[in-house]
Amino acid sequence: MLREDLGLTGTHLACEHGVCGACTVRVDGRAARSCLMLAVQADGTDVETVESLAEDGVLHPIQQAMLENHAFQCAFCAPGFLMTIRCLLDDNPTPTREEIRKEAIGERCDPGRDLR
């Protein structure tokens, strides 16, 4: 829905199993793998994609830092990493190396809401 219906093409679909993180978005302030969520699960939530980071053509500081430090090779996973980093830093502006590792591998990621 994000890509096809809303035209928010920054969020990438890759593994479709919630493993790679390319589809990471922010749902109610928490990182979530969008490939594991149905659109109906987002009803009533605040969903932010990578498109929400830059304002008026000015890169978000996270985007700028990644650009300046040549943080990506092909950049396919960049949107997911950017949203993951944003969620981490919003919760903890000075994370430890271990906290960064856990965030990067999706250990803190919300896999979506239970529909039962």
N, C-alpha and C. Protein backbone atom coordinates (compact mmCIF):
# COMPACT_ATOMS: atom_id res chain seq x y z
N MET A 1 0.82 -1.19 0.00
CA MET A 1 0.00 0.00 0.00
C MET A 1 0.87 1.26 0.00
N LEU A 2 1.94 1.26 0.79
CA LEU A 2 2.79 2.44 0.85
C LEU A 2 3.32 2.82 -0.53
N ARG A 3 3.85 1.84 -1.23
CA ARG A 3 4.46 2.11 -2.53
C ARG A 3 3.43 2.28 -3.64
N GLU A 4 2.51 1.35 -3.74
CA GLU A 4 1.58 1.33 -4.87
C GLU A 4 0.44 2.33 -4.76
N ASP A 5 -0.19 2.42 -3.59
CA ASP A 5 -1.36 3.28 -3.43
C ASP A 5 -1.01 4.70 -3.00
N LEU A 6 0.00 4.85 -2.14
CA LEU A 6 0.35 6.17 -1.63
C LEU A 6 1.53 6.81 -2.34
N GLY A 7 2.23 6.05 -3.18
CA GLY A 7 3.36 6.60 -3.92
C GLY A 7 4.59 6.88 -3.07
N LEU A 8 4.67 6.29 -1.89
CA LEU A 8 5.83 6.47 -1.01
C LEU A 8 6.84 5.37 -1.32
N THR A 9 7.62 5.60 -2.36
CA THR A 9 8.49 4.56 -2.90
C THR A 9 9.83 4.43 -2.19
N GLY A 10 10.07 5.23 -1.18
CA GLY A 10 11.32 5.12 -0.43
C GLY A 10 11.42 3.83 0.35
N THR A 11 10.30 3.34 0.84
CA THR A 11 10.28 2.09 1.60
C THR A 11 10.40 0.94 0.62
N HIS A 12 11.42 0.11 0.80
CA HIS A 12 11.67 -0.98 -0.14
C HIS A 12 11.18 -2.32 0.40
N LEU A 13 10.70 -3.13 -0.49
CA LEU A 13 10.30 -4.49 -0.18
C LEU A 13 11.40 -5.41 -0.70
N ALA A 14 11.93 -6.24 0.17
CA ALA A 14 13.03 -7.10 -0.26
C ALA A 14 12.77 -8.55 0.15
N CYS A 15 13.06 -8.89 1.39
CA CYS A 15 12.99 -10.30 1.80
C CYS A 15 11.57 -10.79 2.07
N GLU A 16 10.67 -9.90 2.40
CA GLU A 16 9.28 -10.22 2.74
C GLU A 16 9.14 -11.14 3.95
N HIS A 17 10.17 -11.18 4.79
CA HIS A 17 10.15 -12.00 6.00
C HIS A 17 10.51 -11.18 7.25
N GLY A 18 10.73 -9.87 7.09
CA GLY A 18 11.08 -9.03 8.21
C GLY A 18 12.51 -9.17 8.68
N VAL A 19 13.34 -9.76 7.85
CA VAL A 19 14.72 -10.03 8.25
C VAL A 19 15.68 -8.92 7.82
N CYS A 20 15.53 -8.43 6.59
CA CYS A 20 16.54 -7.51 6.04
C CYS A 20 16.40 -6.08 6.54
N GLY A 21 15.20 -5.63 6.85
CA GLY A 21 15.00 -4.28 7.36
C GLY A 21 14.81 -3.20 6.31
N ALA A 22 14.88 -3.53 5.03
CA ALA A 22 14.72 -2.52 3.97
C ALA A 22 13.34 -1.87 4.00
N CYS A 23 12.38 -2.52 4.61
CA CYS A 23 11.00 -2.03 4.65
C CYS A 23 10.67 -1.30 5.95
N THR A 24 11.66 -1.03 6.78
CA THR A 24 11.40 -0.44 8.09
C THR A 24 10.77 0.94 7.98
N VAL A 25 9.69 1.12 8.72
CA VAL A 25 9.00 2.40 8.86
C VAL A 25 8.84 2.67 10.35
N ARG A 26 8.33 3.81 10.66
CA ARG A 26 8.08 4.19 12.06
C ARG A 26 6.58 4.18 12.28
N VAL A 27 6.12 3.36 13.20
CA VAL A 27 4.69 3.26 13.52
C VAL A 27 4.52 3.66 14.98
N ASP A 28 3.80 4.75 15.18
CA ASP A 28 3.60 5.28 16.53
C ASP A 28 4.91 5.41 17.29
N GLY A 29 5.95 5.88 16.59
CA GLY A 29 7.23 6.15 17.22
C GLY A 29 8.17 4.97 17.35
N ARG A 30 7.74 3.79 16.90
CA ARG A 30 8.59 2.60 17.01
C ARG A 30 8.90 2.04 15.64
N ALA A 31 10.10 1.48 15.49
CA ALA A 31 10.48 0.84 14.24
C ALA A 31 9.60 -0.37 14.01
N ALA A 32 9.13 -0.52 12.78
CA ALA A 32 8.30 -1.68 12.42
C ALA A 32 8.64 -2.12 11.01
N ARG A 33 8.65 -3.42 10.80
CA ARG A 33 8.89 -3.96 9.46
C ARG A 33 7.56 -3.94 8.71
N SER A 34 7.46 -3.07 7.73
CA SER A 34 6.19 -2.91 7.02
C SER A 34 5.80 -4.15 6.23
N CYS A 35 6.76 -4.98 5.85
CA CYS A 35 6.42 -6.19 5.10
C CYS A 35 5.68 -7.21 5.96
N LEU A 36 5.72 -7.03 7.27
CA LEU A 36 5.03 -7.95 8.17
C LEU A 36 3.69 -7.40 8.65
N MET A 37 3.32 -6.24 8.16
CA MET A 37 2.07 -5.61 8.58
C MET A 37 1.08 -5.56 7.43
N LEU A 38 -0.16 -5.76 7.77
CA LEU A 38 -1.24 -5.52 6.82
C LEU A 38 -1.63 -4.05 6.93
N ALA A 39 -2.13 -3.47 5.86
CA ALA A 39 -2.54 -2.07 5.90
C ALA A 39 -3.57 -1.83 6.99
N VAL A 40 -4.46 -2.77 7.21
CA VAL A 40 -5.49 -2.61 8.24
C VAL A 40 -4.88 -2.50 9.63
N GLN A 41 -3.72 -3.06 9.84
CA GLN A 41 -3.05 -2.97 11.14
C GLN A 41 -2.57 -1.55 11.42
N ALA A 42 -2.38 -0.77 10.39
CA ALA A 42 -1.91 0.60 10.55
C ALA A 42 -3.06 1.59 10.76
N ASP A 43 -4.29 1.12 10.64
CA ASP A 43 -5.45 1.99 10.82
C ASP A 43 -5.40 2.63 12.21
N GLY A 44 -5.46 3.95 12.24
CA GLY A 44 -5.45 4.68 13.51
C GLY A 44 -4.07 4.92 14.08
N THR A 45 -3.02 4.54 13.35
CA THR A 45 -1.66 4.76 13.83
C THR A 45 -1.00 5.89 13.05
N ASP A 46 0.11 6.35 13.56
CA ASP A 46 0.93 7.34 12.87
C ASP A 46 2.06 6.59 12.19
N VAL A 47 2.04 6.52 10.86
CA VAL A 47 3.06 5.81 10.09
C VAL A 47 3.94 6.83 9.40
N GLU A 48 5.25 6.73 9.62
CA GLU A 48 6.22 7.61 8.97
C GLU A 48 7.16 6.76 8.12
N THR A 49 7.41 7.23 6.92
CA THR A 49 8.35 6.57 6.03
C THR A 49 9.58 7.46 5.89
N VAL A 50 10.56 7.00 5.15
CA VAL A 50 11.79 7.76 4.97
C VAL A 50 11.52 9.13 4.35
N GLU A 51 10.43 9.25 3.61
CA GLU A 51 10.09 10.54 3.00
C GLU A 51 9.83 11.62 4.04
N SER A 52 9.52 11.21 5.28
CA SER A 52 9.22 12.18 6.33
C SER A 52 10.47 12.81 6.94
N LEU A 53 11.64 12.29 6.63
CA LEU A 53 12.86 12.79 7.27
C LEU A 53 13.29 14.16 6.78
N ALA A 54 13.42 14.34 5.49
CA ALA A 54 13.86 15.63 4.94
C ALA A 54 12.71 16.63 5.01
N GLU A 55 13.05 17.88 5.29
CA GLU A 55 12.04 18.94 5.33
C GLU A 55 12.45 20.06 4.40
N ASP A 56 11.53 20.44 3.53
CA ASP A 56 11.76 21.53 2.57
C ASP A 56 13.06 21.35 1.79
N GLY A 57 13.35 20.11 1.41
CA GLY A 57 14.53 19.82 0.62
C GLY A 57 15.83 19.75 1.41
N VAL A 58 15.75 19.91 2.72
CA VAL A 58 16.94 19.85 3.57
C VAL A 58 16.98 18.47 4.22
N LEU A 59 18.10 17.79 4.05
CA LEU A 59 18.24 16.45 4.62
C LEU A 59 18.19 16.49 6.14
N HIS A 60 17.61 15.46 6.72
CA HIS A 60 17.61 15.26 8.16
C HIS A 60 19.08 15.04 8.57
N PRO A 61 19.47 15.43 9.78
CA PRO A 61 20.87 15.21 10.20
C PRO A 61 21.35 13.77 10.05
N ILE A 62 20.47 12.80 10.24
CA ILE A 62 20.87 11.40 10.05
C ILE A 62 21.19 11.15 8.59
N GLN A 63 20.35 11.64 7.69
CA GLN A 63 20.60 11.48 6.25
C GLN A 63 21.91 12.16 5.86
N GLN A 64 22.12 13.36 6.37
CA GLN A 64 23.32 14.11 6.05
C GLN A 64 24.57 13.38 6.53
N ALA A 65 24.52 12.85 7.74
CA ALA A 65 25.67 12.12 8.30
C ALA A 65 25.97 10.87 7.49
N MET A 66 24.93 10.14 7.08
CA MET A 66 25.14 8.94 6.28
C MET A 66 25.75 9.30 4.93
N LEU A 67 25.28 10.38 4.33
CA LEU A 67 25.81 10.83 3.05
C LEU A 67 27.29 11.23 3.17
N GLU A 68 27.57 12.04 4.16
CA GLU A 68 28.94 12.54 4.35
C GLU A 68 29.94 11.43 4.68
N ASN A 69 29.46 10.35 5.28
CA ASN A 69 30.35 9.26 5.69
C ASN A 69 30.30 8.06 4.76
N HIS A 70 29.68 8.24 3.60
CA HIS A 70 29.61 7.17 2.59
C HIS A 70 29.18 5.86 3.24
N ALA A 71 28.05 5.92 3.95
CA ALA A 71 27.61 4.79 4.77
C ALA A 71 26.99 3.64 4.00
N PHE A 72 26.69 3.83 2.72
CA PHE A 72 26.01 2.78 1.97
C PHE A 72 26.74 2.47 0.67
N GLN A 73 26.58 1.24 0.21
CA GLN A 73 27.12 0.86 -1.08
C GLN A 73 26.06 1.08 -2.14
N CYS A 74 25.08 0.21 -2.22
CA CYS A 74 24.06 0.37 -3.27
C CYS A 74 22.90 1.25 -2.82
N ALA A 75 22.72 1.42 -1.52
CA ALA A 75 21.69 2.26 -0.90
C ALA A 75 20.28 1.68 -0.95
N PHE A 76 20.12 0.44 -1.41
CA PHE A 76 18.78 -0.17 -1.42
C PHE A 76 18.21 -0.25 -0.01
N CYS A 77 19.05 -0.57 0.96
CA CYS A 77 18.58 -0.72 2.34
C CYS A 77 18.61 0.60 3.11
N ALA A 78 19.09 1.67 2.49
CA ALA A 78 19.24 2.96 3.17
C ALA A 78 17.96 3.45 3.84
N PRO A 79 16.80 3.43 3.19
CA PRO A 79 15.59 3.92 3.86
C PRO A 79 15.29 3.18 5.17
N GLY A 80 15.45 1.87 5.15
CA GLY A 80 15.21 1.09 6.36
C GLY A 80 16.20 1.42 7.46
N PHE A 81 17.47 1.55 7.11
CA PHE A 81 18.48 1.91 8.10
C PHE A 81 18.22 3.30 8.66
N LEU A 82 17.87 4.24 7.80
CA LEU A 82 17.61 5.61 8.26
C LEU A 82 16.45 5.64 9.26
N MET A 83 15.39 4.90 8.98
CA MET A 83 14.25 4.89 9.89
C MET A 83 14.59 4.15 11.19
N THR A 84 15.38 3.09 11.08
CA THR A 84 15.82 2.35 12.26
C THR A 84 16.66 3.25 13.16
N ILE A 85 17.59 3.96 12.57
CA ILE A 85 18.46 4.86 13.34
C ILE A 85 17.63 5.97 13.98
N ARG A 86 16.69 6.51 13.23
CA ARG A 86 15.83 7.57 13.79
C ARG A 86 15.09 7.08 15.02
N CYS A 87 14.50 5.90 14.94
CA CYS A 87 13.76 5.35 16.08
C CYS A 87 14.68 5.13 17.28
N LEU A 88 15.85 4.60 17.03
CA LEU A 88 16.81 4.36 18.11
C LEU A 88 17.20 5.68 18.78
N LEU A 89 17.58 6.67 17.99
CA LEU A 89 18.05 7.94 18.56
C LEU A 89 16.93 8.72 19.24
N ASP A 90 15.71 8.55 18.77
CA ASP A 90 14.58 9.20 19.46
C ASP A 90 14.40 8.62 20.85
N ASP A 91 14.60 7.31 20.98
CA ASP A 91 14.47 6.65 22.28
C ASP A 91 15.70 6.85 23.15
N ASN A 92 16.87 6.90 22.51
CA ASN A 92 18.13 6.94 23.25
C ASN A 92 19.17 7.72 22.44
N PRO A 93 19.34 9.00 22.73
CA PRO A 93 20.27 9.83 21.94
C PRO A 93 21.75 9.42 22.06
N THR A 94 22.09 8.62 23.06
CA THR A 94 23.48 8.18 23.23
C THR A 94 23.54 6.67 23.43
N PRO A 95 23.20 5.91 22.40
CA PRO A 95 23.18 4.45 22.55
C PRO A 95 24.59 3.87 22.65
N THR A 96 24.67 2.75 23.33
CA THR A 96 25.93 2.02 23.40
C THR A 96 26.12 1.23 22.11
N ARG A 97 27.29 0.69 21.91
CA ARG A 97 27.57 -0.14 20.74
C ARG A 97 26.62 -1.34 20.70
N GLU A 98 26.36 -1.95 21.85
CA GLU A 98 25.47 -3.11 21.92
C GLU A 98 24.03 -2.71 21.59
N GLU A 99 23.58 -1.57 22.05
CA GLU A 99 22.23 -1.10 21.73
C GLU A 99 22.08 -0.83 20.24
N ILE A 100 23.11 -0.28 19.63
CA ILE A 100 23.11 -0.03 18.18
C ILE A 100 23.04 -1.37 17.44
N ARG A 101 23.82 -2.34 17.88
CA ARG A 101 23.81 -3.67 17.26
C ARG A 101 22.42 -4.30 17.33
N LYS A 102 21.79 -4.24 18.50
CA LYS A 102 20.46 -4.82 18.67
C LYS A 102 19.44 -4.14 17.77
N GLU A 103 19.55 -2.85 17.65
CA GLU A 103 18.62 -2.11 16.78
C GLU A 103 18.85 -2.49 15.32
N ALA A 104 20.12 -2.56 14.93
CA ALA A 104 20.44 -2.86 13.53
C ALA A 104 19.97 -4.24 13.09
N ILE A 105 19.95 -5.20 14.01
CA ILE A 105 19.50 -6.54 13.63
C ILE A 105 18.00 -6.74 13.88
N GLY A 106 17.33 -5.69 14.31
CA GLY A 106 15.88 -5.76 14.46
C GLY A 106 15.39 -6.36 15.75
N GLU A 107 16.26 -6.45 16.72
CA GLU A 107 15.86 -7.07 17.99
C GLU A 107 14.79 -6.26 18.72
N ARG A 108 14.78 -4.96 18.52
CA ARG A 108 13.78 -4.11 19.18
C ARG A 108 12.60 -3.79 18.26
N CYS A 109 12.62 -4.29 17.07
CA CYS A 109 11.62 -3.92 16.07
C CYS A 109 10.26 -4.55 16.36
N ASP A 110 9.21 -3.76 16.21
CA ASP A 110 7.83 -4.24 16.40
C ASP A 110 7.40 -4.95 15.11
N PRO A 111 7.16 -6.26 15.17
CA PRO A 111 6.82 -6.99 13.96
C PRO A 111 5.42 -6.72 13.44
N GLY A 112 4.67 -5.90 14.11
CA GLY A 112 3.29 -5.63 13.70
C GLY A 112 2.34 -6.01 14.81
N ARG A 113 1.12 -5.63 14.65
CA ARG A 113 0.13 -5.88 15.69
C ARG A 113 -0.60 -7.18 15.46
N ASP A 114 -0.97 -7.80 16.53
CA ASP A 114 -1.72 -9.05 16.48
C ASP A 114 -3.16 -8.75 16.07
N LEU A 115 -3.64 -9.38 15.03
CA LEU A 115 -4.99 -9.13 14.54
C LEU A 115 -6.05 -9.98 15.22
N ARG A 116 -5.65 -10.91 16.05
CA ARG A 116 -6.66 -11.80 16.66
C ARG A 116 -7.58 -11.06 17.59
